[in-house]
Every structure is written in structure tokens, then in C-alpha cells.
Amino acid sequence: SKIGDPPSGQPDSTWQINSQYWKSFPYSAYLDLGRE
């Protein structure tokens, strides 16, 4: 709701991985958009 359309806002939160697990990269996630 903060980023605008087209995107222009400055979001704050990030996808965090604790530094003690950095040797375990890569990390991944996927989006389920509900339909093609």
C-alpha cells in the first residue's frame, strides 16, 4: 500500500536471513498467484 503505482515509494522492511546462516545460501521463496 506504500509503494505507489508505478512503484516510487521507499519501503523499509527486507527479507532477513540471520548472519549465522549466510553460509547456507542460496535462499528462495515462491509466489502463488492463484491462477496462471
PDB file of all heavy atoms in Angstrom:
ATOM      1  N   SER A   1       0.812  -1.222   0.000  1.00  0.00           N
ATOM      2  CA  SER A   1       0.000   0.000   0.000  1.00  0.00           C
ATOM      3  C   SER A   1       0.844   1.270   0.000  1.00  0.00           C
ATOM      4  O   SER A   1       0.326   2.368  -0.249  1.00  0.00           O
ATOM      5  CB  SER A   1      -0.935   0.012   1.216  1.00  0.00           C
ATOM      6  OG  SER A   1      -0.178   0.015   2.428  1.00  0.00           O
ATOM      7  N   LYS A   2       2.151   1.142   0.250  1.00  0.00           N
ATOM      8  CA  LYS A   2       3.014   2.307   0.357  1.00  0.00           C
ATOM      9  C   LYS A   2       3.818   2.592  -0.909  1.00  0.00           C
ATOM     10  O   LYS A   2       4.366   3.682  -1.049  1.00  0.00           O
ATOM     11  CB  LYS A   2       4.006   2.123   1.514  1.00  0.00           C
ATOM     12  CG  LYS A   2       3.380   1.961   2.880  1.00  0.00           C
ATOM     13  CD  LYS A   2       4.464   1.765   3.934  1.00  0.00           C
ATOM     14  CE  LYS A   2       3.887   1.545   5.312  1.00  0.00           C
ATOM     15  NZ  LYS A   2       4.963   1.341   6.316  1.00  0.00           N
ATOM     16  N   ILE A   3       3.912   1.622  -1.814  1.00  0.00           N
ATOM     17  CA  ILE A   3       4.907   1.744  -2.883  1.00  0.00           C
ATOM     18  C   ILE A   3       4.430   2.564  -4.079  1.00  0.00           C
ATOM     19  O   ILE A   3       5.239   3.017  -4.884  1.00  0.00           O
ATOM     20  CB  ILE A   3       5.374   0.355  -3.360  1.00  0.00           C
ATOM     21  CG1 ILE A   3       4.213  -0.463  -3.932  1.00  0.00           C
ATOM     22  CG2 ILE A   3       6.050  -0.384  -2.226  1.00  0.00           C
ATOM     23  CD1 ILE A   3       4.640  -1.817  -4.481  1.00  0.00           C
ATOM     24  N   GLY A   4       3.119   2.733  -4.214  1.00  0.00           N
ATOM     25  CA  GLY A   4       2.611   3.513  -5.341  1.00  0.00           C
ATOM     26  C   GLY A   4       2.511   2.683  -6.612  1.00  0.00           C
ATOM     27  O   GLY A   4       2.896   1.516  -6.662  1.00  0.00           O
ATOM     28  N   ASP A   5       1.988   3.328  -7.657  1.00  0.00           N
ATOM     29  CA  ASP A   5       1.793   2.652  -8.939  1.00  0.00           C
ATOM     30  C   ASP A   5       1.926   3.679 -10.061  1.00  0.00           C
ATOM     31  O   ASP A   5       1.047   4.519 -10.213  1.00  0.00           O
ATOM     32  CB  ASP A   5       0.412   1.998  -8.964  1.00  0.00           C
ATOM     33  CG  ASP A   5       0.153   1.254 -10.256  1.00  0.00           C
ATOM     34  OD1 ASP A   5       1.137   0.870 -10.925  1.00  0.00           O
ATOM     35  OD2 ASP A   5      -1.019   1.057 -10.611  1.00  0.00           O
ATOM     36  N   PRO A   6       3.018   3.647 -10.809  1.00  0.00           N
ATOM     37  CA  PRO A   6       4.138   2.707 -10.727  1.00  0.00           C
ATOM     38  C   PRO A   6       4.947   2.906  -9.450  1.00  0.00           C
ATOM     39  O   PRO A   6       4.860   3.955  -8.819  1.00  0.00           O
ATOM     40  CB  PRO A   6       4.980   3.041 -11.960  1.00  0.00           C
ATOM     41  CG  PRO A   6       4.673   4.470 -12.224  1.00  0.00           C
ATOM     42  CD  PRO A   6       3.228   4.645 -11.863  1.00  0.00           C
ATOM     43  N   PRO A   7       5.733   1.894  -9.054  1.00  0.00           N
ATOM     44  CA  PRO A   7       6.454   1.965  -7.782  1.00  0.00           C
ATOM     45  C   PRO A   7       7.364   3.187  -7.696  1.00  0.00           C
ATOM     46  O   PRO A   7       8.150   3.446  -8.596  1.00  0.00           O
ATOM     47  CB  PRO A   7       7.265   0.667  -7.785  1.00  0.00           C
ATOM     48  CG  PRO A   7       6.499  -0.257  -8.664  1.00  0.00           C
ATOM     49  CD  PRO A   7       5.935   0.617  -9.746  1.00  0.00           C
ATOM     50  N   SER A   8       7.241   3.894  -6.596  1.00  0.00           N
ATOM     51  CA  SER A   8       8.072   5.075  -6.394  1.00  0.00           C
ATOM     52  C   SER A   8       8.343   5.353  -4.921  1.00  0.00           C
ATOM     53  O   SER A   8       9.180   6.181  -4.593  1.00  0.00           O
ATOM     54  CB  SER A   8       7.405   6.310  -7.023  1.00  0.00           C
ATOM     55  OG  SER A   8       6.136   6.539  -6.425  1.00  0.00           O
ATOM     56  N   GLY A   9       7.636   4.658  -4.040  1.00  0.00           N
ATOM     57  CA  GLY A   9       7.858   4.868  -2.618  1.00  0.00           C
ATOM     58  C   GLY A   9       9.157   4.233  -2.149  1.00  0.00           C
ATOM     59  O   GLY A   9       9.867   3.578  -2.912  1.00  0.00           O
ATOM     60  N   GLN A  10       9.472   4.428  -0.889  1.00  0.00           N
ATOM     61  CA  GLN A  10      10.697   3.870  -0.309  1.00  0.00           C
ATOM     62  C   GLN A  10      10.329   2.937   0.836  1.00  0.00           C
ATOM     63  O   GLN A  10      10.205   3.350   1.980  1.00  0.00           O
ATOM     64  CB  GLN A  10      11.620   4.992   0.176  1.00  0.00           C
ATOM     65  CG  GLN A  10      12.962   4.487   0.667  1.00  0.00           C
ATOM     66  CD  GLN A  10      13.951   5.617   0.895  1.00  0.00           C
ATOM     67  OE1 GLN A  10      14.122   6.489   0.052  1.00  0.00           O
ATOM     68  NE2 GLN A  10      14.597   5.620   2.054  1.00  0.00           N
ATOM     69  N   PRO A  11      10.155   1.647   0.552  1.00  0.00           N
ATOM     70  CA  PRO A  11       9.796   0.685   1.595  1.00  0.00           C
ATOM     71  C   PRO A  11      10.951   0.448   2.565  1.00  0.00           C
ATOM     72  O   PRO A  11      12.108   0.716   2.242  1.00  0.00           O
ATOM     73  CB  PRO A  11       9.469  -0.578   0.794  1.00  0.00           C
ATOM     74  CG  PRO A  11      10.199  -0.421  -0.494  1.00  0.00           C
ATOM     75  CD  PRO A  11      10.260   1.037  -0.780  1.00  0.00           C
ATOM     76  N   ASP A  12      10.619  -0.077   3.719  1.00  0.00           N
ATOM     77  CA  ASP A  12      11.608  -0.217   4.789  1.00  0.00           C
ATOM     78  C   ASP A  12      12.016  -1.662   5.067  1.00  0.00           C
ATOM     79  O   ASP A  12      13.194  -1.965   5.222  1.00  0.00           O
ATOM     80  CB  ASP A  12      11.061   0.396   6.088  1.00  0.00           C
ATOM     81  CG  ASP A  12      10.745   1.875   5.928  1.00  0.00           C
ATOM     82  OD1 ASP A  12      11.608   2.595   5.390  1.00  0.00           O
ATOM     83  OD2 ASP A  12       9.645   2.292   6.339  1.00  0.00           O
ATOM     84  N   SER A  13      11.053  -2.574   5.185  1.00  0.00           N
ATOM     85  CA  SER A  13      11.362  -3.926   5.633  1.00  0.00           C
ATOM     86  C   SER A  13      12.021  -4.742   4.529  1.00  0.00           C
ATOM     87  O   SER A  13      11.781  -4.531   3.343  1.00  0.00           O
ATOM     88  CB  SER A  13      10.095  -4.628   6.119  1.00  0.00           C
ATOM     89  OG  SER A  13       9.140  -4.699   5.081  1.00  0.00           O
ATOM     90  N   THR A  14      12.864  -5.691   4.927  1.00  0.00           N
ATOM     91  CA  THR A  14      13.581  -6.541   3.975  1.00  0.00           C
ATOM     92  C   THR A  14      13.481  -8.002   4.390  1.00  0.00           C
ATOM     93  O   THR A  14      13.196  -8.329   5.541  1.00  0.00           O
ATOM     94  CB  THR A  14      15.067  -6.149   3.874  1.00  0.00           C
ATOM     95  OG1 THR A  14      15.675  -6.293   5.172  1.00  0.00           O
ATOM     96  CG2 THR A  14      15.233  -4.720   3.393  1.00  0.00           C
ATOM     97  N   TRP A  15      13.743  -8.870   3.450  1.00  0.00           N
ATOM     98  CA  TRP A  15      13.802 -10.313   3.667  1.00  0.00           C
ATOM     99  C   TRP A  15      15.098 -10.605   4.424  1.00  0.00           C
ATOM    100  O   TRP A  15      16.182 -10.532   3.872  1.00  0.00           O
ATOM    101  CB  TRP A  15      13.780 -10.969   2.300  1.00  0.00           C
ATOM    102  CG  TRP A  15      13.896 -12.465   2.254  1.00  0.00           C
ATOM    103  CD1 TRP A  15      14.114 -13.337   3.267  1.00  0.00           C
ATOM    104  CD2 TRP A  15      13.810 -13.264   1.068  1.00  0.00           C
ATOM    105  NE1 TRP A  15      14.168 -14.632   2.817  1.00  0.00           N
ATOM    106  CE2 TRP A  15      13.986 -14.607   1.454  1.00  0.00           C
ATOM    107  CE3 TRP A  15      13.613 -12.947  -0.279  1.00  0.00           C
ATOM    108  CZ2 TRP A  15      13.976 -15.660   0.528  1.00  0.00           C
ATOM    109  CZ3 TRP A  15      13.602 -13.990  -1.198  1.00  0.00           C
ATOM    110  CH2 TRP A  15      13.772 -15.325  -0.789  1.00  0.00           C
ATOM    111  N   GLN A  16      14.961 -10.928   5.719  1.00  0.00           N
ATOM    112  CA  GLN A  16      16.116 -11.084   6.590  1.00  0.00           C
ATOM    113  C   GLN A  16      16.521 -12.554   6.736  1.00  0.00           C
ATOM    114  O   GLN A  16      15.674 -13.421   6.928  1.00  0.00           O
ATOM    115  CB  GLN A  16      15.800 -10.513   7.979  1.00  0.00           C
ATOM    116  CG  GLN A  16      15.470  -9.028   8.003  1.00  0.00           C
ATOM    117  CD  GLN A  16      16.714  -8.171   7.947  1.00  0.00           C
ATOM    118  OE1 GLN A  16      17.838  -8.647   8.051  1.00  0.00           O
ATOM    119  NE2 GLN A  16      16.516  -6.862   7.772  1.00  0.00           N
ATOM    120  N   ILE A  17      17.829 -12.779   6.646  1.00  0.00           N
ATOM    121  CA  ILE A  17      18.427 -14.073   6.979  1.00  0.00           C
ATOM    122  C   ILE A  17      19.513 -13.802   8.010  1.00  0.00           C
ATOM    123  O   ILE A  17      20.444 -13.031   7.737  1.00  0.00           O
ATOM    124  CB  ILE A  17      19.055 -14.773   5.750  1.00  0.00           C
ATOM    125  CG1 ILE A  17      18.045 -14.910   4.609  1.00  0.00           C
ATOM    126  CG2 ILE A  17      19.633 -16.126   6.150  1.00  0.00           C
ATOM    127  CD1 ILE A  17      16.920 -15.868   4.881  1.00  0.00           C
ATOM    128  N   ASN A  18      19.412 -14.387   9.178  1.00  0.00           N
ATOM    129  CA  ASN A  18      20.406 -14.164  10.221  1.00  0.00           C
ATOM    130  C   ASN A  18      21.801 -14.507   9.708  1.00  0.00           C
ATOM    131  O   ASN A  18      21.999 -15.499   9.012  1.00  0.00           O
ATOM    132  CB  ASN A  18      20.068 -15.011  11.452  1.00  0.00           C
ATOM    133  CG  ASN A  18      20.866 -14.600  12.664  1.00  0.00           C
ATOM    134  OD1 ASN A  18      22.076 -14.751  12.720  1.00  0.00           O
ATOM    135  ND2 ASN A  18      20.170 -14.056  13.667  1.00  0.00           N
ATOM    136  N   SER A  19      22.771 -13.674  10.042  1.00  0.00           N
ATOM    137  CA  SER A  19      24.134 -13.823   9.515  1.00  0.00           C
ATOM    138  C   SER A  19      24.757 -15.173   9.852  1.00  0.00           C
ATOM    139  O   SER A  19      25.653 -15.643   9.132  1.00  0.00           O
ATOM    140  CB  SER A  19      25.029 -12.699  10.028  1.00  0.00           C
ATOM    141  OG  SER A  19      25.089 -12.704  11.443  1.00  0.00           O
ATOM    142  N   GLN A  20      24.305 -15.830  10.913  1.00  0.00           N
ATOM    143  CA  GLN A  20      24.885 -17.138  11.259  1.00  0.00           C
ATOM    144  C   GLN A  20      24.521 -18.213  10.227  1.00  0.00           C
ATOM    145  O   GLN A  20      25.138 -19.273  10.203  1.00  0.00           O
ATOM    146  CB  GLN A  20      24.421 -17.567  12.643  1.00  0.00           C
ATOM    147  CG  GLN A  20      22.927 -17.833  12.762  1.00  0.00           C
ATOM    148  CD  GLN A  20      22.535 -18.250  14.156  1.00  0.00           C
ATOM    149  OE1 GLN A  20      23.105 -19.194  14.722  1.00  0.00           O
ATOM    150  NE2 GLN A  20      21.580 -17.521  14.743  1.00  0.00           N
ATOM    151  N   TYR A  21      23.538 -17.907   9.347  1.00  0.00           N
ATOM    152  CA  TYR A  21      23.118 -18.870   8.332  1.00  0.00           C
ATOM    153  C   TYR A  21      23.543 -18.457   6.914  1.00  0.00           C
ATOM    154  O   TYR A  21      23.091 -19.047   5.940  1.00  0.00           O
ATOM    155  CB  TYR A  21      21.591 -19.033   8.363  1.00  0.00           C
ATOM    156  CG  TYR A  21      21.064 -19.483   9.699  1.00  0.00           C
ATOM    157  CD1 TYR A  21      20.190 -18.679  10.437  1.00  0.00           C
ATOM    158  CD2 TYR A  21      21.449 -20.712  10.252  1.00  0.00           C
ATOM    159  CE1 TYR A  21      19.709 -19.082  11.666  1.00  0.00           C
ATOM    160  CE2 TYR A  21      20.979 -21.114  11.499  1.00  0.00           C
ATOM    161  CZ  TYR A  21      20.111 -20.291  12.193  1.00  0.00           C
ATOM    162  OH  TYR A  21      19.635 -20.694  13.422  1.00  0.00           O
ATOM    163  N   TRP A  22      24.418 -17.468   6.804  1.00  0.00           N
ATOM    164  CA  TRP A  22      24.801 -16.982   5.483  1.00  0.00           C
ATOM    165  C   TRP A  22      25.541 -18.037   4.664  1.00  0.00           C
ATOM    166  O   TRP A  22      25.492 -18.009   3.438  1.00  0.00           O
ATOM    167  CB  TRP A  22      25.647 -15.723   5.616  1.00  0.00           C
ATOM    168  CG  TRP A  22      24.813 -14.506   5.914  1.00  0.00           C
ATOM    169  CD1 TRP A  22      23.465 -14.464   6.140  1.00  0.00           C
ATOM    170  CD2 TRP A  22      25.296 -13.163   6.035  1.00  0.00           C
ATOM    171  NE1 TRP A  22      23.056 -13.174   6.386  1.00  0.00           N
ATOM    172  CE2 TRP A  22      24.146 -12.349   6.336  1.00  0.00           C
ATOM    173  CE3 TRP A  22      26.541 -12.563   5.929  1.00  0.00           C
ATOM    174  CZ2 TRP A  22      24.258 -10.971   6.516  1.00  0.00           C
ATOM    175  CZ3 TRP A  22      26.643 -11.194   6.105  1.00  0.00           C
ATOM    176  CH2 TRP A  22      25.513 -10.406   6.398  1.00  0.00           C
ATOM    177  N   LYS A  23      26.217 -18.943   5.323  1.00  0.00           N
ATOM    178  CA  LYS A  23      26.923 -19.998   4.591  1.00  0.00           C
ATOM    179  C   LYS A  23      25.949 -20.993   3.960  1.00  0.00           C
ATOM    180  O   LYS A  23      26.360 -21.834   3.153  1.00  0.00           O
ATOM    181  CB  LYS A  23      27.897 -20.733   5.515  1.00  0.00           C
ATOM    182  CG  LYS A  23      29.085 -19.888   5.944  1.00  0.00           C
ATOM    183  CD  LYS A  23      30.067 -20.684   6.787  1.00  0.00           C
ATOM    184  CE  LYS A  23      31.276 -19.835   7.182  1.00  0.00           C
ATOM    185  NZ  LYS A  23      32.249 -20.603   8.013  1.00  0.00           N
ATOM    186  N   SER A  24      24.665 -20.888   4.314  1.00  0.00           N
ATOM    187  CA  SER A  24      23.650 -21.806   3.768  1.00  0.00           C
ATOM    188  C   SER A  24      22.973 -21.279   2.510  1.00  0.00           C
ATOM    189  O   SER A  24      22.061 -21.927   1.986  1.00  0.00           O
ATOM    190  CB  SER A  24      22.579 -22.082   4.835  1.00  0.00           C
ATOM    191  OG  SER A  24      23.144 -22.636   5.996  1.00  0.00           O
ATOM    192  N   PHE A  25      23.368 -20.100   2.030  1.00  0.00           N
ATOM    193  CA  PHE A  25      22.779 -19.567   0.799  1.00  0.00           C
ATOM    194  C   PHE A  25      23.057 -20.511  -0.359  1.00  0.00           C
ATOM    195  O   PHE A  25      24.052 -21.236  -0.347  1.00  0.00           O
ATOM    196  CB  PHE A  25      23.374 -18.180   0.511  1.00  0.00           C
ATOM    197  CG  PHE A  25      22.568 -17.054   1.106  1.00  0.00           C
ATOM    198  CD1 PHE A  25      22.681 -16.758   2.454  1.00  0.00           C
ATOM    199  CD2 PHE A  25      21.695 -16.321   0.332  1.00  0.00           C
ATOM    200  CE1 PHE A  25      21.935 -15.729   3.004  1.00  0.00           C
ATOM    201  CE2 PHE A  25      20.949 -15.288   0.870  1.00  0.00           C
ATOM    202  CZ  PHE A  25      21.072 -14.995   2.222  1.00  0.00           C
ATOM    203  N   PRO A  26      22.138 -20.541  -1.367  1.00  0.00           N
ATOM    204  CA  PRO A  26      21.035 -19.609  -1.647  1.00  0.00           C
ATOM    205  C   PRO A  26      19.773 -19.896  -0.820  1.00  0.00           C
ATOM    206  O   PRO A  26      19.570 -21.013  -0.348  1.00  0.00           O
ATOM    207  CB  PRO A  26      20.769 -19.830  -3.134  1.00  0.00           C
ATOM    208  CG  PRO A  26      21.166 -21.244  -3.377  1.00  0.00           C
ATOM    209  CD  PRO A  26      22.340 -21.495  -2.474  1.00  0.00           C
ATOM    210  N   TYR A  27      18.941 -18.844  -0.701  1.00  0.00           N
ATOM    211  CA  TYR A  27      17.624 -18.945  -0.088  1.00  0.00           C
ATOM    212  C   TYR A  27      16.587 -18.532  -1.133  1.00  0.00           C
ATOM    213  O   TYR A  27      16.843 -17.652  -1.962  1.00  0.00           O
ATOM    214  CB  TYR A  27      17.520 -18.039   1.139  1.00  0.00           C
ATOM    215  CG  TYR A  27      18.134 -18.653   2.371  1.00  0.00           C
ATOM    216  CD1 TYR A  27      19.510 -18.595   2.583  1.00  0.00           C
ATOM    217  CD2 TYR A  27      17.351 -19.302   3.319  1.00  0.00           C
ATOM    218  CE1 TYR A  27      20.086 -19.167   3.710  1.00  0.00           C
ATOM    219  CE2 TYR A  27      17.919 -19.880   4.446  1.00  0.00           C
ATOM    220  CZ  TYR A  27      19.294 -19.807   4.643  1.00  0.00           C
ATOM    221  OH  TYR A  27      19.853 -20.382   5.752  1.00  0.00           O
ATOM    222  N   SER A  28      15.429 -19.166  -1.075  1.00  0.00           N
ATOM    223  CA  SER A  28      14.409 -18.891  -2.095  1.00  0.00           C
ATOM    224  C   SER A  28      13.010 -18.991  -1.513  1.00  0.00           C
ATOM    225  O   SER A  28      12.775 -19.634  -0.485  1.00  0.00           O
ATOM    226  CB  SER A  28      14.557 -19.865  -3.273  1.00  0.00           C
ATOM    227  OG  SER A  28      14.433 -21.199  -2.823  1.00  0.00           O
ATOM    228  N   ALA A  29      12.088 -18.357  -2.211  1.00  0.00           N
ATOM    229  CA  ALA A  29      10.661 -18.430  -1.895  1.00  0.00           C
ATOM    230  C   ALA A  29       9.911 -18.281  -3.206  1.00  0.00           C
ATOM    231  O   ALA A  29      10.462 -17.790  -4.202  1.00  0.00           O
ATOM    232  CB  ALA A  29      10.266 -17.335  -0.916  1.00  0.00           C
ATOM    233  N   TYR A  30       8.659 -18.724  -3.212  1.00  0.00           N
ATOM    234  CA  TYR A  30       7.883 -18.546  -4.433  1.00  0.00           C
ATOM    235  C   TYR A  30       6.522 -17.928  -4.116  1.00  0.00           C
ATOM    236  O   TYR A  30       6.017 -18.009  -2.999  1.00  0.00           O
ATOM    237  CB  TYR A  30       7.722 -19.858  -5.208  1.00  0.00           C
ATOM    238  CG  TYR A  30       6.895 -20.933  -4.536  1.00  0.00           C
ATOM    239  CD1 TYR A  30       5.503 -20.979  -4.686  1.00  0.00           C
ATOM    240  CD2 TYR A  30       7.498 -21.936  -3.769  1.00  0.00           C
ATOM    241  CE1 TYR A  30       4.749 -21.971  -4.085  1.00  0.00           C
ATOM    242  CE2 TYR A  30       6.755 -22.925  -3.165  1.00  0.00           C
ATOM    243  CZ  TYR A  30       5.380 -22.944  -3.322  1.00  0.00           C
ATOM    244  OH  TYR A  30       4.632 -23.933  -2.725  1.00  0.00           O
ATOM    245  N   LEU A  31       5.954 -17.296  -5.149  1.00  0.00           N
ATOM    246  CA  LEU A  31       4.628 -16.691  -5.069  1.00  0.00           C
ATOM    247  C   LEU A  31       3.618 -17.591  -5.747  1.00  0.00           C
ATOM    248  O   LEU A  31       3.867 -18.088  -6.855  1.00  0.00           O
ATOM    249  CB  LEU A  31       4.621 -15.335  -5.759  1.00  0.00           C
ATOM    250  CG  LEU A  31       5.572 -14.260  -5.240  1.00  0.00           C
ATOM    251  CD1 LEU A  31       5.578 -13.068  -6.191  1.00  0.00           C
ATOM    252  CD2 LEU A  31       5.183 -13.817  -3.837  1.00  0.00           C
ATOM    253  N   ASP A  32       2.492 -17.813  -5.102  1.00  0.00           N
ATOM    254  CA  ASP A  32       1.350 -18.487  -5.718  1.00  0.00           C
ATOM    255  C   ASP A  32       0.326 -17.407  -6.046  1.00  0.00           C
ATOM    256  O   ASP A  32      -0.290 -16.827  -5.150  1.00  0.00           O
ATOM    257  CB  ASP A  32       0.760 -19.527  -4.766  1.00  0.00           C
ATOM    258  CG  ASP A  32      -0.413 -20.282  -5.377  1.00  0.00           C
ATOM    259  OD1 ASP A  32      -0.863 -19.911  -6.497  1.00  0.00           O
ATOM    260  OD2 ASP A  32      -0.906 -21.231  -4.744  1.00  0.00           O
ATOM    261  N   LEU A  33       0.145 -17.142  -7.329  1.00  0.00           N
ATOM    262  CA  LEU A  33      -0.722 -16.053  -7.785  1.00  0.00           C
ATOM    263  C   LEU A  33      -2.177 -16.484  -7.942  1.00  0.00           C
ATOM    264  O   LEU A  33      -2.998 -15.700  -8.423  1.00  0.00           O
ATOM    265  CB  LEU A  33      -0.189 -15.489  -9.097  1.00  0.00           C
ATOM    266  CG  LEU A  33       1.266 -15.002  -9.023  1.00  0.00           C
ATOM    267  CD1 LEU A  33       1.757 -14.588 -10.404  1.00  0.00           C
ATOM    268  CD2 LEU A  33       1.417 -13.868  -8.027  1.00  0.00           C
ATOM    269  N   GLY A  34      -2.482 -17.725  -7.582  1.00  0.00           N
ATOM    270  CA  GLY A  34      -3.866 -18.187  -7.589  1.00  0.00           C
ATOM    271  C   GLY A  34      -4.348 -18.751  -8.905  1.00  0.00           C
ATOM    272  O   GLY A  34      -5.216 -19.620  -8.945  1.00  0.00           O
ATOM    273  N   ARG A  35      -3.804 -18.283 -10.001  1.00  0.00           N
ATOM    274  CA  ARG A  35      -4.136 -18.768 -11.341  1.00  0.00           C
ATOM    275  C   ARG A  35      -3.020 -18.333 -12.284  1.00  0.00           C
ATOM    276  O   ARG A  35      -2.186 -17.497 -11.930  1.00  0.00           O
ATOM    277  CB  ARG A  35      -5.465 -18.184 -11.825  1.00  0.00           C
ATOM    278  CG  ARG A  35      -5.509 -16.666 -11.867  1.00  0.00           C
ATOM    279  CD  ARG A  35      -6.839 -16.146 -12.380  1.00  0.00           C
ATOM    280  NE  ARG A  35      -6.972 -14.701 -12.276  1.00  0.00           N
ATOM    281  CZ  ARG A  35      -6.459 -13.822 -13.135  1.00  0.00           C
ATOM    282  NH1 ARG A  35      -5.764 -14.273 -14.200  1.00  0.00           N
ATOM    283  NH2 ARG A  35      -6.623 -12.531 -12.974  1.00  0.00           N
ATOM    284  N   GLU A  36      -2.999 -18.911 -13.463  1.00  0.00           N
ATOM    285  CA  GLU A  36      -1.969 -18.514 -14.426  1.00  0.00           C
ATOM    286  C   GLU A  36      -2.194 -17.068 -14.857  1.00  0.00           C
ATOM    287  O   GLU A  36      -3.318 -16.661 -15.154  1.00  0.00           O
ATOM    288  CB  GLU A  36      -1.990 -19.431 -15.647  1.00  0.00           C
ATOM    289  CG  GLU A  36      -0.883 -19.101 -16.645  1.00  0.00           C
ATOM    290  CD  GLU A  36      -0.793 -20.095 -17.775  1.00  0.00           C
ATOM    291  OE1 GLU A  36      -0.137 -21.144 -17.576  1.00  0.00           O
ATOM    292  OE2 GLU A  36      -1.368 -19.837 -18.846  1.00  0.00           O
TER     293      GLU A  36
END
